[in-house]
Amino acid sequence: MIQAAPPSSPLLRRSAETTSNRASASCTIALIAIFTAAAACAILSSQPPHELPPKDPAFNVVDRRGRAVIISDAHVLQRYNASYGKSCRCAGRCGPNQTGTASWQACPDSCLLPEPGSPFGQYGCDGPPALVKMAFREARRLVASPDFVLYLGCMSGHDMPNLATAMSNLRLVRDQLHALYEGSVISCPVIGNNDVFEDYQASLAAGGFYAQQLVPPSASRPGLRLVAINTNLYSAVGPRMPWNAPWSPSTLPDPRGQFAWRERRVAAMLEQQLAAVAAAGERAYIAGHLPPTLDSFRREPMWNQIYADRFFAIVRRQIGASPAERSPAASVIDGLFFSHLHSDEFRLIPGVTAAAAPIIHIISSVTPIYGGNPTVYEMRHAAAAPAEADRSRGVSFRPVRLTQHAALLGDASFTKAITTPAAFRAAGISNGDYAAVYRAMHEKYHSWNGGAESCSSTADRLQTCATCTNGCRIANACLYRAAAGGRAAWQRCVDTTTLGGAACSDDRHCGEGFGCQCTARRCSCELEQ
């Protein structure tokens, strides 16, 4: 958890000096100098006080370079008590109160479960340290020697009562992350909304963003760099929180100078960072916590749309909105990774039609607080060997179900659930590939996101649906296709979209993004490529 500290703080100067003289393979260490916050420096430079994953030579996994691990939203709850249910947050505490202050009170005995829940956590609650440890061990079992690990934010649990508790949670996950590969692999975290105290605070003395070489270039593959951004600065939710001073894009068009990036004393635009990657013949990932899109639950924006529009303008200039509109840095951005929504999702970049353009991956969580299965990811990354260096790199989803059976075993096993792009019936993970997903969602609802209800309205939420037809299908397809352009763009997509297969005589009968295509037998509205 991070609170502001004066930039001239002696502690900060000492931490920065220590960092510059200390060899480490971890981006976590590099973040010390970037956060420039006393609490962060103390946490990231302290000795691990928690039990670490044991060094286990029995992991029977071949060293597979060209692979990486992605983990997000551990939201560890050290207070977890398996005897209590989700109405007491599985901790024997109720809170926060209605004013937004995270002040926990003791819960009544009615919260006690008839039988204890799983020692690895319960649906509806943040997970205990045992779940975090198990998830990290699974990541190491999946990929024995990855090129890097991305941690996409939110180490601490929700609604922590005080800074000390929040910092203790951050230390625990930090230690597990650093020990995952005994400090021998680059592990790069980004800042989540619960990684500051209180939630969404923009209280860093500096920006909390950085760039890092993930994979150096070699004769067989290009280099890969990470551009990690602090999305708390752009949150549409944060300024409404009672503890966070609001700001407006009209008065702060570039909070903390992140768009006009400053590294040390050298001013460099985010765009110039990407251009430098192109000049070196390398590739780049952009990673953050809050995705620049509508969420899939309330369909509310995660970013202030003015900031999102500026971000996407930079991205579009780098990848080219169409094949004819490519900058010198075209194809440099090979992936955009975010999390926060605790579900596996994607979004298309607004205003981009180039088939080879990347898409926005939204990564699920370790915590099961919102009903999801704890998940870790194995990824074939952009700097894979040349034979695999097209845009067909896969992301494997590995969830574990929290069951009494697992509790009795004293362990739980992660199983491969779906793999992007195969599960989405797409040939790759590019913009053009996911256009095929959009068409498929109009033709037939995909059961991989099932639920309990029969849905047919634009107001229905896909995660609750056993079937999704008519307006439900359109609304959720538009969420993936248009929601990164903001609520107005999503609504426009909903209002103008025609279900694939509708009869037509010309393009005027088809909605936005569809054209009237004819075969020997009939003419129908089909998604335009």
Protein backbone atom coordinates (compact mmCIF):
# COMPACT_ATOMS: atom_id res chain seq x y z
CA MET A 1 0.00 0.00 0.00
CA ILE A 2 1.36 3.32 -1.00
CA GLN A 3 1.06 6.73 0.54
CA ALA A 4 2.63 9.94 -0.60
CA ALA A 5 6.09 10.96 0.57
CA PRO A 6 8.02 14.15 -0.17
CA PRO A 7 10.23 13.67 -3.25
CA SER A 8 13.19 14.91 -1.22
CA SER A 9 12.71 12.31 1.51
CA PRO A 10 16.10 10.93 2.73
CA LEU A 11 14.54 7.46 2.83
CA LEU A 12 13.65 7.73 -0.82
CA ARG A 13 17.12 8.91 -1.74
CA ARG A 14 18.69 6.04 0.19
CA SER A 15 16.32 3.52 -1.39
CA ALA A 16 17.07 4.82 -4.88
CA GLU A 17 20.82 4.67 -4.23
CA THR A 18 20.51 1.14 -2.86
CA THR A 19 18.47 0.11 -5.88
CA SER A 20 20.99 1.51 -8.34
CA ASN A 21 23.80 -0.47 -6.70
CA ARG A 22 21.89 -3.72 -6.39
CA ALA A 23 21.71 -6.31 -9.16
CA SER A 24 18.27 -7.85 -9.46
CA ALA A 25 16.21 -9.53 -12.15
CA SER A 26 12.96 -8.22 -10.74
CA CYS A 27 10.90 -5.30 -12.02
CA THR A 28 9.59 -5.17 -8.47
CA ILE A 29 12.95 -3.79 -7.39
CA ALA A 30 12.95 -1.33 -10.27
CA LEU A 31 9.60 -0.06 -9.07
CA ILE A 32 11.16 1.20 -5.85
CA ALA A 33 12.72 4.18 -7.56
CA ILE A 34 9.60 4.79 -9.65
CA PHE A 35 7.02 4.77 -6.84
CA THR A 36 9.10 7.24 -4.79
CA ALA A 37 6.83 6.59 -1.81
CA ALA A 38 8.23 5.80 1.61
CA ALA A 39 5.86 2.92 2.28
CA ALA A 40 6.61 1.31 -1.08
CA CYS A 41 10.36 1.62 -0.58
CA ALA A 42 10.12 0.04 2.84
CA ILE A 43 8.03 -2.86 1.55
CA LEU A 44 9.99 -3.66 -1.56
CA SER A 45 13.41 -3.47 0.08
CA SER A 46 12.57 -5.42 3.25
CA GLN A 47 13.47 -9.03 3.90
CA PRO A 48 10.65 -11.53 3.23
CA PRO A 49 8.92 -12.24 6.58
CA HIS A 50 6.50 -14.84 5.23
CA GLU A 51 6.81 -18.51 4.34
CA LEU A 52 7.88 -18.87 0.72
CA PRO A 53 7.07 -21.58 -1.83
CA PRO A 54 9.63 -24.35 -1.26
CA LYS A 55 12.23 -25.09 -3.88
CA ASP A 56 10.85 -28.28 -5.35
CA PRO A 57 13.06 -30.21 -7.84
CA ALA A 58 10.21 -32.69 -8.39
CA PHE A 59 8.36 -30.39 -10.79
CA ASN A 60 8.46 -32.48 -13.96
CA VAL A 61 8.18 -29.70 -16.51
CA VAL A 62 10.58 -29.10 -19.39
CA ASP A 63 12.25 -25.69 -19.63
CA ARG A 64 10.12 -23.92 -22.25
CA ARG A 65 11.47 -20.57 -23.39
CA GLY A 66 9.08 -18.44 -25.35
CA ARG A 67 6.63 -18.85 -22.45
CA ALA A 68 5.54 -16.45 -19.76
CA VAL A 69 3.23 -16.46 -16.73
CA ILE A 70 0.43 -13.98 -16.02
CA ILE A 71 -1.19 -13.64 -12.58
CA SER A 72 -3.53 -10.98 -11.25
CA ASP A 73 -5.81 -9.93 -8.41
CA ALA A 74 -4.65 -12.21 -5.60
CA HIS A 75 -6.46 -9.94 -3.09
CA VAL A 76 -5.05 -11.96 -0.22
CA LEU A 77 -7.06 -12.07 3.02
CA GLN A 78 -4.85 -13.04 5.95
CA ARG A 79 -7.88 -12.86 8.26
CA TYR A 80 -9.54 -15.73 6.35
CA ASN A 81 -11.39 -18.14 8.65
CA ALA A 82 -12.94 -21.20 6.99
CA SER A 83 -15.59 -21.37 9.72
CA TYR A 84 -17.26 -18.19 8.49
CA GLY A 85 -19.26 -17.70 5.30
CA LYS A 86 -19.31 -14.96 2.71
CA SER A 87 -21.85 -12.83 4.62
CA CYS A 88 -19.00 -12.14 7.03
CA ARG A 89 -16.37 -12.03 4.30
CA CYS A 90 -15.02 -15.37 5.58
CA ALA A 91 -13.17 -13.48 8.26
CA GLY A 92 -15.57 -13.04 11.16
CA ARG A 93 -15.79 -9.36 10.31
CA CYS A 94 -18.46 -7.25 8.62
CA GLY A 95 -17.67 -4.07 6.70
CA PRO A 96 -17.00 -1.59 5.32
CA ASN A 97 -19.57 0.86 6.62
CA GLN A 98 -21.87 2.92 4.42
CA THR A 99 -19.59 5.97 4.34
CA GLY A 100 -16.95 4.05 2.45
CA THR A 101 -14.56 3.84 5.40
CA ALA A 102 -13.22 0.32 5.75
CA SER A 103 -14.02 -0.16 9.44
CA TRP A 104 -14.68 -3.84 10.18
CA GLN A 105 -16.96 -4.91 13.01
CA ALA A 106 -17.42 -8.36 14.55
CA CYS A 107 -20.17 -10.41 12.89
CA PRO A 108 -22.84 -12.42 14.71
CA ASP A 109 -22.61 -16.18 15.19
CA SER A 110 -25.19 -16.57 12.43
CA CYS A 111 -22.28 -16.14 10.02
CA LEU A 112 -20.79 -19.45 11.18
CA LEU A 113 -21.05 -22.25 8.62
CA PRO A 114 -22.54 -25.66 9.52
CA GLU A 115 -19.25 -27.16 8.33
CA PRO A 116 -15.97 -25.34 7.65
CA GLY A 117 -15.34 -24.26 4.09
CA SER A 118 -12.28 -25.01 2.00
CA PRO A 119 -8.94 -23.98 3.48
CA PHE A 120 -8.19 -22.54 0.05
CA GLY A 121 -11.08 -20.07 0.15
CA GLN A 122 -14.76 -19.74 -0.68
CA TYR A 123 -16.72 -18.21 -3.52
CA GLY A 124 -17.78 -14.75 -2.42
CA CYS A 125 -14.67 -14.06 -0.33
CA ASP A 126 -11.09 -13.04 -0.93
CA GLY A 127 -8.68 -15.95 -0.70
CA PRO A 128 -6.33 -16.89 2.14
CA PRO A 129 -2.53 -17.07 1.87
CA ALA A 130 -2.87 -20.81 1.17
CA LEU A 131 -4.69 -20.05 -2.09
CA VAL A 132 -2.08 -17.52 -3.21
CA LYS A 133 0.71 -19.97 -2.42
CA MET A 134 -1.06 -22.75 -4.32
CA ALA A 135 -1.68 -20.51 -7.35
CA PHE A 136 1.96 -19.45 -7.50
CA ARG A 137 3.13 -23.05 -7.18
CA GLU A 138 0.83 -23.97 -10.06
CA ALA A 139 2.36 -21.22 -12.18
CA ARG A 140 5.81 -22.66 -11.55
CA ARG A 141 4.58 -26.18 -12.32
CA LEU A 142 3.12 -24.98 -15.63
CA VAL A 143 6.21 -23.09 -16.74
CA ALA A 144 9.40 -24.17 -15.02
CA SER A 145 11.56 -21.45 -16.54
CA PRO A 146 9.56 -18.61 -18.11
CA ASP A 147 11.07 -15.55 -19.70
CA PHE A 148 9.08 -13.31 -17.37
CA VAL A 149 6.09 -13.05 -15.03
CA LEU A 150 3.45 -10.32 -15.31
CA TYR A 151 1.44 -9.47 -12.20
CA LEU A 152 -1.43 -7.20 -13.21
CA GLY A 153 -2.21 -5.58 -9.87
CA CYS A 154 -4.22 -5.81 -6.63
CA MET A 155 -2.16 -7.80 -4.18
CA SER A 156 -4.14 -6.78 -1.09
CA GLY A 157 -7.67 -7.81 -0.17
CA HIS A 158 -10.74 -5.63 -0.57
CA ASP A 159 -11.84 -3.11 2.06
CA MET A 160 -8.82 -3.35 4.33
CA PRO A 161 -9.42 -1.64 7.70
CA ASN A 162 -6.10 0.18 7.95
CA LEU A 163 -2.79 0.82 6.25
CA ALA A 164 -0.88 -1.68 8.39
CA THR A 165 -3.14 -4.56 7.33
CA ALA A 166 -2.99 -3.55 3.70
CA MET A 167 0.82 -3.29 3.77
CA SER A 168 1.10 -6.71 5.39
CA ASN A 169 -0.96 -8.19 2.56
CA LEU A 170 1.22 -6.51 -0.03
CA ARG A 171 4.37 -7.86 1.63
CA LEU A 172 3.00 -11.39 1.63
CA VAL A 173 2.14 -11.43 -2.08
CA ARG A 174 5.33 -9.55 -2.92
CA ASP A 175 7.38 -12.21 -1.15
CA GLN A 176 5.55 -15.04 -2.89
CA LEU A 177 5.99 -13.33 -6.26
CA HIS A 178 9.71 -12.74 -5.72
CA ALA A 179 10.23 -16.31 -4.50
CA LEU A 180 8.23 -17.86 -7.33
CA TYR A 181 11.40 -18.54 -9.32
CA GLU A 182 13.88 -17.80 -6.51
CA GLY A 183 14.48 -14.30 -7.88
CA SER A 184 15.92 -15.63 -11.15
CA VAL A 185 13.08 -14.51 -13.44
CA ILE A 186 11.89 -11.00 -14.20
CA SER A 187 8.65 -10.41 -12.30
CA CYS A 188 6.85 -7.21 -13.28
CA PRO A 189 3.89 -5.87 -11.29
CA VAL A 190 1.58 -3.01 -12.14
CA ILE A 191 -0.38 -0.90 -9.66
CA GLY A 192 -3.98 -1.91 -8.95
CA ASN A 193 -6.68 0.11 -7.26
CA ASN A 194 -6.25 -1.93 -4.05
CA ASP A 195 -2.47 -1.54 -4.09
CA VAL A 196 -2.88 1.95 -2.68
CA PHE A 197 -4.59 2.98 0.53
CA GLU A 198 -7.35 3.76 0.48
CA ASP A 199 -8.69 2.29 -2.75
CA TYR A 200 -8.04 4.20 -5.97
CA GLN A 201 -5.89 6.83 -4.22
CA ALA A 202 -3.62 8.73 -6.57
CA SER A 203 -1.24 9.31 -3.66
CA LEU A 204 2.09 8.48 -5.26
CA ALA A 205 4.74 11.17 -5.18
CA ALA A 206 5.62 10.03 -8.70
CA GLY A 207 3.66 8.31 -11.41
CA GLY A 208 4.05 4.58 -10.72
CA PHE A 209 4.72 3.69 -14.36
CA TYR A 210 7.84 2.28 -16.00
CA ALA A 211 9.37 0.49 -18.98
CA GLN A 212 11.34 -2.74 -18.74
CA GLN A 213 13.15 -5.09 -21.13
CA LEU A 214 11.41 -8.46 -20.77
CA VAL A 215 13.34 -10.46 -23.36
CA PRO A 216 16.61 -9.24 -24.90
CA PRO A 217 16.96 -9.52 -28.68
CA SER A 218 18.88 -12.45 -30.09
CA ALA A 219 19.73 -13.91 -33.47
CA SER A 220 16.62 -16.09 -33.32
CA ARG A 221 14.01 -13.67 -31.99
CA PRO A 222 13.29 -9.97 -31.51
CA GLY A 223 13.47 -8.31 -28.12
CA LEU A 224 10.34 -7.67 -26.09
CA ARG A 225 9.73 -4.69 -23.80
CA LEU A 226 7.01 -3.91 -21.27
CA VAL A 227 5.38 -0.50 -20.89
CA ALA A 228 3.58 -0.64 -17.52
CA ILE A 229 1.07 2.14 -16.83
CA ASN A 230 -0.66 3.35 -13.67
CA THR A 231 -4.35 3.21 -14.54
CA ASN A 232 -5.49 4.57 -11.17
CA LEU A 233 -4.68 8.00 -12.58
CA TYR A 234 -7.46 7.66 -15.15
CA SER A 235 -10.13 5.92 -13.08
CA ALA A 236 -13.73 7.00 -13.58
CA VAL A 237 -14.53 5.43 -10.21
CA GLY A 238 -11.78 6.88 -8.03
CA PRO A 239 -12.80 10.55 -8.17
CA ARG A 240 -16.23 9.54 -6.82
CA MET A 241 -14.73 7.87 -3.77
CA PRO A 242 -15.16 10.03 -0.64
CA TRP A 243 -11.50 9.74 0.29
CA ASN A 244 -10.06 10.70 -3.08
CA ALA A 245 -9.80 14.33 -4.15
CA PRO A 246 -11.53 14.62 -7.54
CA TRP A 247 -9.82 15.95 -10.61
CA SER A 248 -11.04 16.77 -14.05
CA PRO A 249 -9.47 16.08 -17.46
CA SER A 250 -10.05 19.75 -18.23
CA THR A 251 -7.73 20.77 -15.40
CA LEU A 252 -5.46 17.71 -15.45
CA PRO A 253 -5.25 16.48 -19.05
CA ASP A 254 -2.24 14.32 -18.18
CA PRO A 255 -2.14 13.25 -14.49
CA ARG A 256 1.42 12.76 -13.24
CA GLY A 257 2.70 13.31 -16.79
CA GLN A 258 2.16 9.69 -17.79
CA PHE A 259 1.17 10.46 -21.37
CA ALA A 260 4.04 12.93 -21.63
CA TRP A 261 6.27 10.31 -20.05
CA ARG A 262 9.22 11.42 -17.97
CA GLU A 263 11.99 9.04 -17.13
CA ARG A 264 14.59 10.67 -14.87
CA ARG A 265 15.36 14.00 -16.57
CA VAL A 266 14.67 12.89 -20.12
CA ALA A 267 11.19 13.81 -21.35
CA ALA A 268 9.83 11.07 -23.60
CA MET A 269 6.29 10.69 -24.84
CA LEU A 270 4.66 7.30 -24.45
CA GLU A 271 4.51 7.37 -28.22
CA GLN A 272 8.27 7.94 -28.37
CA GLN A 273 8.81 4.98 -26.05
CA LEU A 274 7.04 2.79 -28.58
CA ALA A 275 8.88 4.40 -31.49
CA ALA A 276 12.16 3.56 -29.77
CA VAL A 277 11.05 -0.06 -29.58
CA ALA A 278 10.35 0.01 -33.32
CA ALA A 279 13.73 1.57 -34.07
CA ALA A 280 15.38 -1.29 -32.21
CA GLY A 281 13.37 -3.84 -34.21
CA GLU A 282 11.64 -5.05 -31.06
CA ARG A 283 8.08 -5.52 -29.81
CA ALA A 284 6.17 -4.16 -26.85
CA TYR A 285 3.41 -5.10 -24.45
CA ILE A 286 1.34 -2.47 -22.67
CA ALA A 287 0.08 -3.59 -19.26
CA GLY A 288 -2.12 -1.97 -16.64
CA HIS A 289 -4.80 -2.85 -14.11
CA LEU A 290 -8.05 -1.01 -14.90
CA PRO A 291 -9.03 -1.76 -18.52
CA PRO A 292 -9.86 1.27 -20.69
CA THR A 293 -13.40 0.07 -21.40
CA LEU A 294 -16.85 -0.50 -19.92
CA ASP A 295 -17.02 -3.19 -17.27
CA SER A 296 -19.12 -6.26 -18.03
CA PHE A 297 -21.25 -6.09 -14.89
CA ARG A 298 -22.76 -2.60 -14.73
CA ARG A 299 -21.47 -1.52 -18.16
CA GLU A 300 -19.91 1.54 -16.58
CA PRO A 301 -16.60 3.04 -17.79
CA MET A 302 -13.45 2.08 -15.95
CA TRP A 303 -11.50 5.09 -17.27
CA ASN A 304 -12.61 8.66 -17.69
CA GLN A 305 -13.40 8.59 -21.39
CA ILE A 306 -11.25 11.63 -22.20
CA TYR A 307 -8.19 9.78 -20.90
CA ALA A 308 -9.24 6.59 -22.69
CA ASP A 309 -9.62 8.46 -25.98
CA ARG A 310 -6.14 9.93 -25.62
CA PHE A 311 -4.66 6.53 -24.80
CA PHE A 312 -6.28 4.89 -27.81
CA ALA A 313 -5.18 7.74 -30.07
CA ILE A 314 -1.58 6.90 -29.12
CA VAL A 315 -2.17 3.19 -29.64
CA ARG A 316 -3.84 3.72 -33.02
CA ARG A 317 -0.96 5.82 -34.29
CA GLN A 318 1.41 3.01 -33.45
CA ILE A 319 -0.50 0.09 -34.92
CA GLY A 320 -2.30 1.85 -37.79
CA ALA A 321 -6.08 2.20 -37.81
CA SER A 322 -6.14 0.43 -41.17
CA PRO A 323 -3.55 -1.28 -43.36
CA ALA A 324 -3.06 2.02 -45.22
CA GLU A 325 -2.58 4.05 -42.03
CA ARG A 326 0.54 2.66 -40.41
CA SER A 327 3.19 4.66 -38.62
CA PRO A 328 6.91 3.74 -38.70
CA ALA A 329 6.24 1.92 -35.43
CA ALA A 330 3.47 -0.22 -36.95
CA SER A 331 3.09 -3.68 -35.41
CA VAL A 332 5.26 -2.73 -32.44
CA ILE A 333 2.45 -3.23 -29.90
CA ASP A 334 1.86 -6.96 -29.74
CA GLY A 335 -0.49 -7.06 -26.79
CA LEU A 336 -2.44 -4.98 -24.30
CA PHE A 337 -3.07 -6.70 -20.96
CA PHE A 338 -5.37 -5.53 -18.17
CA SER A 339 -7.34 -7.16 -15.35
CA HIS A 340 -9.65 -5.86 -12.53
CA LEU A 341 -12.91 -7.39 -13.83
CA HIS A 342 -12.16 -10.84 -12.33
CA SER A 343 -13.23 -12.53 -15.56
CA ASP A 344 -11.64 -13.64 -18.82
CA GLU A 345 -12.61 -11.15 -21.50
CA PHE A 346 -11.33 -9.22 -24.48
CA ARG A 347 -12.07 -5.95 -26.24
CA LEU A 348 -11.35 -4.72 -29.74
CA ILE A 349 -9.46 -1.43 -29.98
CA PRO A 350 -11.89 1.30 -31.12
CA GLY A 351 -11.39 2.65 -34.61
CA VAL A 352 -9.02 -0.11 -35.69
CA THR A 353 -9.82 -2.34 -38.65
CA ALA A 354 -6.35 -3.68 -39.49
CA ALA A 355 -6.61 -7.46 -39.23
CA ALA A 356 -3.15 -7.83 -37.66
CA ALA A 357 -3.80 -5.29 -34.89
CA PRO A 358 -3.62 -6.57 -31.29
CA ILE A 359 -6.63 -6.82 -29.02
CA ILE A 360 -7.13 -5.96 -25.35
CA HIS A 361 -6.85 -9.02 -23.11
CA ILE A 362 -8.62 -8.78 -19.74
CA ILE A 363 -7.21 -11.33 -17.32
CA SER A 364 -9.16 -13.05 -14.54
CA SER A 365 -8.20 -13.30 -10.87
CA VAL A 366 -6.80 -15.56 -8.20
CA THR A 367 -9.41 -14.38 -5.68
CA PRO A 368 -12.85 -16.07 -5.92
CA ILE A 369 -14.67 -13.12 -4.34
CA TYR A 370 -16.94 -12.55 -7.35
CA GLY A 371 -17.69 -16.21 -8.01
CA GLY A 372 -14.92 -16.96 -10.47
CA ASN A 373 -12.56 -19.90 -10.24
CA PRO A 374 -9.04 -18.88 -9.16
CA THR A 375 -7.00 -18.70 -12.34
CA VAL A 376 -3.38 -18.49 -13.48
CA TYR A 377 -2.16 -18.17 -17.06
CA GLU A 378 0.50 -19.65 -19.28
CA MET A 379 1.29 -17.54 -22.34
CA ARG A 380 3.34 -17.95 -25.50
CA HIS A 381 4.65 -14.44 -25.87
CA ALA A 382 5.54 -12.10 -28.71
CA ALA A 383 9.26 -12.87 -28.70
CA ALA A 384 8.79 -16.56 -29.43
CA ALA A 385 10.98 -18.31 -31.99
CA PRO A 386 10.55 -17.10 -35.59
CA ALA A 387 8.54 -20.16 -36.63
CA GLU A 388 5.96 -19.19 -34.03
CA ALA A 389 6.41 -15.43 -34.15
CA ASP A 390 3.17 -14.68 -35.95
CA ARG A 391 0.15 -13.35 -34.10
CA SER A 392 -1.20 -16.74 -33.08
CA ARG A 393 0.31 -16.93 -29.62
CA GLY A 394 -1.99 -18.62 -27.16
CA VAL A 395 -2.99 -17.81 -23.59
CA SER A 396 -3.98 -20.89 -21.53
CA PHE A 397 -6.51 -20.40 -18.73
CA ARG A 398 -5.86 -22.65 -15.72
CA PRO A 399 -8.61 -22.42 -13.07
CA VAL A 400 -9.21 -24.44 -9.91
CA ARG A 401 -12.62 -25.11 -8.38
CA LEU A 402 -12.94 -24.63 -4.63
CA THR A 403 -14.66 -27.81 -3.48
CA GLN A 404 -14.99 -29.83 -0.30
CA HIS A 405 -13.22 -32.65 -2.14
CA ALA A 406 -10.19 -30.41 -2.58
CA ALA A 407 -10.37 -29.41 1.07
CA LEU A 408 -10.34 -33.05 2.19
CA LEU A 409 -7.31 -33.72 0.05
CA GLY A 410 -5.53 -30.79 1.62
CA ASP A 411 -4.79 -29.50 -1.86
CA ALA A 412 -6.60 -28.55 -5.04
CA SER A 413 -5.62 -29.04 -8.65
CA PHE A 414 -5.69 -26.51 -11.46
CA THR A 415 -6.97 -27.81 -14.78
CA LYS A 416 -6.69 -26.38 -18.26
CA ALA A 417 -10.07 -24.83 -19.07
CA ILE A 418 -9.81 -22.90 -22.30
CA THR A 419 -7.07 -21.56 -24.49
CA THR A 420 -7.13 -18.32 -26.40
CA PRO A 421 -7.59 -18.33 -29.35
CA ALA A 422 -8.88 -21.89 -29.74
CA ALA A 423 -11.79 -21.55 -27.31
CA PHE A 424 -13.03 -18.47 -29.12
CA ARG A 425 -13.04 -20.35 -32.43
CA ALA A 426 -10.54 -17.91 -33.85
CA ALA A 427 -7.34 -18.58 -35.75
CA GLY A 428 -5.25 -16.19 -33.64
CA ILE A 429 -5.48 -13.43 -31.08
CA SER A 430 -5.40 -10.47 -33.46
CA ASN A 431 -8.11 -7.95 -34.24
CA GLY A 432 -9.08 -9.77 -37.42
CA ASP A 433 -9.28 -13.10 -35.63
CA TYR A 434 -11.67 -11.77 -33.03
CA ALA A 435 -13.89 -10.27 -35.70
CA ALA A 436 -14.70 -13.92 -36.39
CA VAL A 437 -15.64 -14.30 -32.72
CA TYR A 438 -18.05 -11.39 -33.02
CA ARG A 439 -19.71 -13.07 -36.00
CA ALA A 440 -19.88 -16.38 -34.14
CA MET A 441 -21.54 -14.72 -31.14
CA HIS A 442 -24.29 -13.50 -33.43
CA GLU A 443 -24.76 -16.90 -35.01
CA LYS A 444 -24.61 -19.02 -31.89
CA TYR A 445 -24.19 -18.25 -28.21
CA HIS A 446 -21.00 -19.71 -26.71
CA SER A 447 -21.64 -21.82 -23.63
CA TRP A 448 -18.18 -21.24 -22.16
CA ASN A 449 -19.52 -18.19 -20.30
CA GLY A 450 -22.65 -19.92 -18.99
CA GLY A 451 -24.96 -19.27 -16.06
CA ALA A 452 -28.47 -20.01 -14.85
CA GLU A 453 -30.86 -17.68 -16.69
CA SER A 454 -32.41 -17.58 -20.15
CA CYS A 455 -31.51 -14.13 -21.46
CA SER A 456 -32.88 -12.20 -24.42
CA SER A 457 -32.70 -8.52 -23.37
CA THR A 458 -29.98 -5.93 -23.86
CA ALA A 459 -30.12 -5.40 -20.08
CA ASP A 460 -29.09 -9.01 -19.35
CA ARG A 461 -25.58 -9.70 -18.12
CA LEU A 462 -23.82 -12.50 -19.96
CA GLN A 463 -22.24 -13.98 -16.83
CA THR A 464 -25.72 -14.87 -15.47
CA CYS A 465 -27.03 -16.45 -18.67
CA ALA A 466 -27.47 -20.10 -19.58
CA THR A 467 -28.75 -18.99 -22.98
CA CYS A 468 -28.28 -15.63 -24.67
CA THR A 469 -30.44 -14.69 -27.65
CA ASN A 470 -31.72 -11.62 -29.48
CA GLY A 471 -30.93 -8.42 -27.55
CA CYS A 472 -28.70 -10.21 -25.05
CA ARG A 473 -26.52 -11.52 -27.84
CA ILE A 474 -26.26 -8.12 -29.47
CA ALA A 475 -25.51 -6.28 -26.22
CA ASN A 476 -22.72 -8.61 -25.19
CA ALA A 477 -21.20 -8.87 -28.64
CA CYS A 478 -21.13 -5.06 -28.70
CA LEU A 479 -19.44 -5.10 -25.29
CA TYR A 480 -16.49 -6.96 -26.80
CA ARG A 481 -16.54 -5.09 -30.07
CA ALA A 482 -17.31 -1.47 -29.17
CA ALA A 483 -17.16 -0.91 -25.39
CA ALA A 484 -13.55 0.33 -25.42
CA GLY A 485 -14.94 3.36 -27.25
CA GLY A 486 -17.09 4.25 -24.24
CA ARG A 487 -20.73 3.87 -23.29
CA ALA A 488 -21.97 5.97 -26.21
CA ALA A 489 -20.11 3.75 -28.67
CA TRP A 490 -21.49 0.63 -27.00
CA GLN A 491 -25.05 1.99 -27.10
CA ARG A 492 -24.66 2.99 -30.74
CA CYS A 493 -23.51 -0.53 -31.55
CA VAL A 494 -26.52 -1.99 -29.72
CA ASP A 495 -28.95 0.36 -31.48
CA THR A 496 -27.61 -0.26 -34.97
CA THR A 497 -26.53 -3.90 -34.94
CA THR A 498 -28.47 -6.52 -36.85
CA LEU A 499 -28.23 -10.18 -35.97
CA GLY A 500 -26.12 -12.03 -38.49
CA GLY A 501 -28.15 -13.91 -41.05
CA ALA A 502 -31.02 -11.40 -41.34
CA ALA A 503 -32.40 -11.16 -44.87
CA CYS A 504 -31.48 -8.06 -46.87
CA SER A 505 -31.50 -6.59 -50.36
CA ASP A 506 -28.68 -4.07 -49.88
CA ASP A 507 -26.38 -2.67 -47.18
CA ARG A 508 -29.01 -0.19 -45.97
CA HIS A 509 -30.93 -3.07 -44.39
CA CYS A 510 -27.95 -4.08 -42.24
CA GLY A 511 -26.65 -2.51 -39.05
CA GLU A 512 -23.30 -0.93 -38.34
CA GLY A 513 -20.42 -3.25 -39.18
CA PHE A 514 -22.57 -5.49 -41.39
CA GLY A 515 -22.93 -5.66 -45.14
CA CYS A 516 -25.46 -7.37 -47.37
CA GLN A 517 -23.73 -10.42 -48.80
CA CYS A 518 -25.36 -12.67 -51.37
CA THR A 519 -24.93 -16.29 -52.31
CA ALA A 520 -26.69 -18.24 -55.02
CA ARG A 521 -29.57 -18.95 -52.63
CA ARG A 522 -30.11 -15.77 -50.57
CA CYS A 523 -28.80 -12.40 -49.39
CA SER A 524 -28.12 -11.85 -45.68
CA CYS A 525 -26.46 -9.36 -43.33
CA GLU A 526 -22.96 -10.53 -42.48
CA LEU A 527 -20.14 -8.96 -40.48
CA GLU A 528 -17.82 -6.90 -42.64
CA GLN A 529 -14.08 -7.67 -42.45
